[in-house]
Amino acid sequence: MDKAFMTGCDSVTEWQLPWFLDNLKSHCPDIPIIFADFGVSNDMLPIVAEKCDYIIEMTKQDSKRGWMKKPHAMASTVANKTCWLDTDCQVIGDISDVFKYVKPEKLSMVEDRPWSKRREEKWHNSGVVAFEKVPRVLVDWAKMCVEKDIDGDQEVLHWMMGGDQLRRLRFIEDLPHIYNVLRLDILDNKVPAGKRVIHWTGKKGNDEIRRLMKNG
């Protein structure tokens, strides 16, 4: 396939999946969805089969934590251009044009402005990642997520950049902020006009997703 969205989860976070998929499909009905199965329940498998176009089995992939399988899943894409989205992302607009921002051998990501501010160095958020084919940096990221005892795939990628801004520019392309507006962006009053994805991170984000699901 030429273009595809990708997501994945295990049984712990699968409660978000139907909500996530319905939002994505309502705004981008014509682009296929690849699902990476990190170990969803048997009850969830029929929903995945109905709503997704391609399934990648990831339950045997070695990792201490489920989300660390994400880079390996992305590196297993069957699309020419792929955009990964975490299941705690709320798609509220058409994001089918995100693929125009992909660059060969780079990962296109939104700067994690709250984290950059708090850490006083540039970070990128891994909740939305667009790329073409399988960049070498993605293969290395997947490998490091298995080998390094670092808490979180985003933290592993940041460690790989080594604080070197030129290296970061070489491997990471900035996506417009509208494609990944973080919960903390809202608290910091840093929400861009025309936002299309709200990323409800953390426990408080999960609480907001449950509220949104309850209210329909």
Protein backbone atom coordinates (compact mmCIF):
# COMPACT_ATOMS: atom_id res chain seq x y z
CA MET A 1 0.00 0.00 0.00
CA ASP A 2 1.15 3.55 -0.66
CA LYS A 3 0.03 5.31 2.55
CA ALA A 4 -1.23 3.96 5.86
CA PHE A 5 -1.87 4.95 9.42
CA MET A 6 -0.53 2.60 12.09
CA THR A 7 -1.32 2.06 15.73
CA GLY A 8 -0.90 -0.69 18.28
CA CYS A 9 -1.63 -1.71 21.84
CA ASP A 10 -1.88 -4.60 24.30
CA SER A 11 -4.66 -5.72 26.62
CA VAL A 12 -3.87 -2.98 29.15
CA THR A 13 -4.67 -0.08 26.82
CA GLU A 14 -7.02 -1.79 24.37
CA TRP A 15 -9.98 -0.05 25.99
CA GLN A 16 -8.89 3.08 24.06
CA LEU A 17 -8.74 1.33 20.70
CA PRO A 18 -12.38 1.41 19.44
CA TRP A 19 -12.63 5.10 20.40
CA PHE A 20 -9.33 5.87 18.67
CA LEU A 21 -10.20 3.95 15.49
CA ASP A 22 -13.66 5.49 15.19
CA ASN A 23 -12.19 8.99 15.47
CA LEU A 24 -9.48 8.25 12.92
CA LYS A 25 -11.79 6.59 10.40
CA SER A 26 -14.40 9.35 10.68
CA HIS A 27 -11.84 11.96 9.57
CA CYS A 28 -9.65 9.84 7.25
CA PRO A 29 -11.94 7.14 5.84
CA ASP A 30 -9.92 6.41 2.71
CA ILE A 31 -6.49 5.62 4.18
CA PRO A 32 -5.79 2.05 5.37
CA ILE A 33 -4.98 1.30 9.00
CA ILE A 34 -2.25 -1.11 10.10
CA PHE A 35 -2.61 -2.55 13.60
CA ALA A 36 0.32 -3.87 15.63
CA ASP A 37 -0.94 -6.49 18.08
CA PHE A 38 1.15 -6.23 21.24
CA GLY A 39 -1.14 -8.70 22.99
CA VAL A 40 -4.79 -7.65 22.89
CA SER A 41 -7.49 -9.85 24.38
CA ASN A 42 -9.45 -12.39 22.36
CA ASP A 43 -12.51 -10.17 22.73
CA MET A 44 -10.72 -7.31 21.00
CA LEU A 45 -9.46 -9.32 18.02
CA PRO A 46 -12.80 -9.24 16.08
CA ILE A 47 -12.96 -5.45 16.48
CA VAL A 48 -9.42 -5.15 15.17
CA ALA A 49 -10.24 -7.40 12.21
CA GLU A 50 -13.33 -5.34 11.38
CA LYS A 51 -11.82 -1.86 11.69
CA CYS A 52 -8.21 -2.38 10.51
CA ASP A 53 -6.86 -3.36 7.12
CA TYR A 54 -3.67 -5.16 8.09
CA ILE A 55 -2.45 -6.76 11.33
CA ILE A 56 1.15 -7.20 12.45
CA GLU A 57 1.62 -9.81 15.17
CA MET A 58 4.00 -8.46 17.81
CA THR A 59 3.25 -10.58 20.87
CA LYS A 60 6.52 -12.51 20.63
CA GLN A 61 8.71 -9.43 20.18
CA ASP A 62 11.21 -9.20 23.04
CA SER A 63 10.64 -6.18 25.26
CA LYS A 64 10.30 -5.39 28.94
CA ARG A 65 7.34 -3.06 28.34
CA GLY A 66 4.66 -3.11 25.67
CA TRP A 67 5.18 0.41 24.34
CA MET A 68 8.87 -0.32 23.72
CA LYS A 69 7.70 -2.59 20.88
CA LYS A 70 6.40 0.43 19.00
CA PRO A 71 9.54 1.27 16.98
CA HIS A 72 9.85 -2.38 15.95
CA ALA A 73 6.23 -2.34 14.82
CA MET A 74 6.83 0.80 12.78
CA ALA A 75 9.88 -0.83 11.19
CA SER A 76 7.60 -3.71 10.14
CA THR A 77 5.28 -1.49 8.09
CA VAL A 78 3.95 -2.73 4.74
CA ALA A 79 3.28 0.80 3.43
CA ASN A 80 5.50 3.13 1.46
CA LYS A 81 4.54 6.03 3.74
CA THR A 82 3.37 5.42 7.30
CA CYS A 83 2.08 7.56 10.14
CA TRP A 84 2.04 6.01 13.61
CA LEU A 85 -0.42 7.33 16.20
CA ASP A 86 -0.68 6.26 19.84
CA THR A 87 -4.15 5.10 20.90
CA ASP A 88 -4.42 7.98 23.41
CA CYS A 89 -4.42 10.41 20.47
CA GLN A 90 -7.81 11.95 19.66
CA VAL A 91 -8.06 12.66 15.94
CA ILE A 92 -10.38 15.64 15.54
CA GLY A 93 -9.65 16.64 11.94
CA ASP A 94 -8.44 15.38 8.60
CA ILE A 95 -4.77 14.40 8.94
CA SER A 96 -4.41 12.72 5.55
CA ASP A 97 -2.01 15.47 4.47
CA VAL A 98 0.52 14.55 7.17
CA PHE A 99 2.31 12.34 4.64
CA LYS A 100 3.53 15.34 2.67
CA TYR A 101 5.92 16.09 5.54
CA VAL A 102 7.84 12.81 5.38
CA LYS A 103 11.48 12.96 4.29
CA PRO A 104 13.75 10.11 3.18
CA GLU A 105 15.71 8.57 6.06
CA LYS A 106 14.05 10.82 8.66
CA LEU A 107 11.31 10.58 11.29
CA SER A 108 8.75 13.38 11.11
CA MET A 109 7.63 14.31 14.64
CA VAL A 110 6.18 17.23 16.58
CA GLU A 111 8.39 18.93 19.13
CA ASP A 112 7.41 18.05 22.69
CA ARG A 113 7.19 21.68 23.77
CA PRO A 114 6.28 21.05 27.42
CA TRP A 115 9.18 18.59 27.80
CA SER A 116 11.59 20.88 25.91
CA LYS A 117 10.67 23.73 28.23
CA ARG A 118 11.00 21.68 31.39
CA ARG A 119 14.25 19.95 30.36
CA GLU A 120 15.72 23.05 28.68
CA GLU A 121 16.65 21.08 25.55
CA LYS A 122 14.73 20.06 22.45
CA TRP A 123 12.62 16.92 22.66
CA HIS A 124 10.24 15.34 20.15
CA ASN A 125 7.07 13.48 21.09
CA SER A 126 6.73 9.93 19.79
CA GLY A 127 2.93 9.80 19.90
CA VAL A 128 2.77 10.73 16.20
CA VAL A 129 5.59 9.62 13.88
CA ALA A 130 5.48 9.80 10.07
CA PHE A 131 8.12 8.26 7.83
CA GLU A 132 8.87 6.88 4.37
CA LYS A 133 9.74 3.19 3.92
CA VAL A 134 11.99 2.13 6.85
CA PRO A 135 14.64 4.73 7.74
CA ARG A 136 17.86 3.42 9.26
CA VAL A 137 17.26 5.54 12.35
CA LEU A 138 14.00 3.66 12.90
CA VAL A 139 15.79 0.29 12.75
CA ASP A 140 18.37 1.54 15.25
CA TRP A 141 15.62 2.93 17.51
CA ALA A 142 13.86 -0.44 17.56
CA LYS A 143 17.12 -2.18 18.46
CA MET A 144 17.94 0.25 21.25
CA CYS A 145 14.48 -0.13 22.77
CA VAL A 146 15.34 -3.77 23.42
CA GLU A 147 18.94 -3.27 24.48
CA LYS A 148 18.84 -0.14 26.63
CA ASP A 149 17.34 0.06 30.12
CA ILE A 150 15.68 3.42 29.51
CA ASP A 151 12.10 4.10 30.56
CA GLY A 152 10.15 4.89 27.40
CA ASP A 153 10.59 4.76 23.63
CA GLN A 154 10.64 8.57 23.44
CA GLU A 155 13.44 8.68 25.99
CA VAL A 156 15.42 6.08 24.02
CA LEU A 157 15.20 8.16 20.84
CA HIS A 158 16.27 11.29 22.72
CA TRP A 159 19.24 9.39 24.17
CA MET A 160 20.19 8.30 20.65
CA MET A 161 20.41 11.93 19.55
CA GLY A 162 23.00 12.47 22.28
CA GLY A 163 22.21 16.13 22.78
CA ASP A 164 23.64 16.83 19.32
CA GLN A 165 21.38 19.30 17.50
CA LEU A 166 22.97 18.58 14.12
CA ARG A 167 22.33 14.87 14.61
CA ARG A 168 18.73 15.64 15.55
CA LEU A 169 18.31 17.74 12.40
CA ARG A 170 19.75 14.89 10.34
CA PHE A 171 17.33 12.26 11.61
CA ILE A 172 14.20 14.13 12.77
CA GLU A 173 11.96 16.41 10.70
CA ASP A 174 9.67 18.82 12.58
CA LEU A 175 5.98 18.24 11.99
CA PRO A 176 3.57 21.16 12.42
CA HIS A 177 2.23 21.39 15.96
CA ILE A 178 -1.36 20.77 14.84
CA TYR A 179 -0.64 17.04 14.36
CA ASN A 180 0.20 16.36 18.02
CA VAL A 181 -1.17 18.80 20.59
CA LEU A 182 -0.27 17.48 24.02
CA ARG A 183 -2.43 17.60 27.13
CA LEU A 184 0.26 19.75 28.74
CA ASP A 185 0.12 22.13 25.76
CA ILE A 186 -3.48 22.80 26.77
CA LEU A 187 -2.46 23.44 30.39
CA ASP A 188 0.35 25.72 29.18
CA ASN A 189 -2.05 27.62 26.89
CA LYS A 190 0.07 26.68 23.85
CA VAL A 191 -2.61 25.25 21.56
CA PRO A 192 -2.20 26.10 17.86
CA ALA A 193 -5.10 27.18 15.67
CA GLY A 194 -6.47 24.39 13.52
CA LYS A 195 -5.37 21.54 15.79
CA ARG A 196 -6.13 18.07 14.38
CA VAL A 197 -4.80 15.66 16.99
CA ILE A 198 -5.03 15.99 20.77
CA HIS A 199 -2.70 13.65 22.63
CA TRP A 200 -4.18 12.80 26.03
CA THR A 201 -1.04 11.64 27.82
CA GLY A 202 -0.71 10.12 31.29
CA LYS A 203 -3.24 9.15 33.93
CA LYS A 204 -5.05 12.48 33.69
CA GLY A 205 -5.23 12.00 29.94
CA ASN A 206 -6.76 8.56 30.43
CA ASP A 207 -9.37 10.11 32.70
CA GLU A 208 -10.22 12.62 29.96
CA ILE A 209 -10.51 9.86 27.35
CA ARG A 210 -12.93 7.96 29.61
CA ARG A 211 -14.98 11.14 30.01
CA LEU A 212 -15.04 11.67 26.23
CA MET A 213 -16.06 8.06 25.64
CA LYS A 214 -18.83 8.32 28.24
CA ASN A 215 -20.22 11.51 26.72
CA GLY A 216 -20.07 10.14 23.20
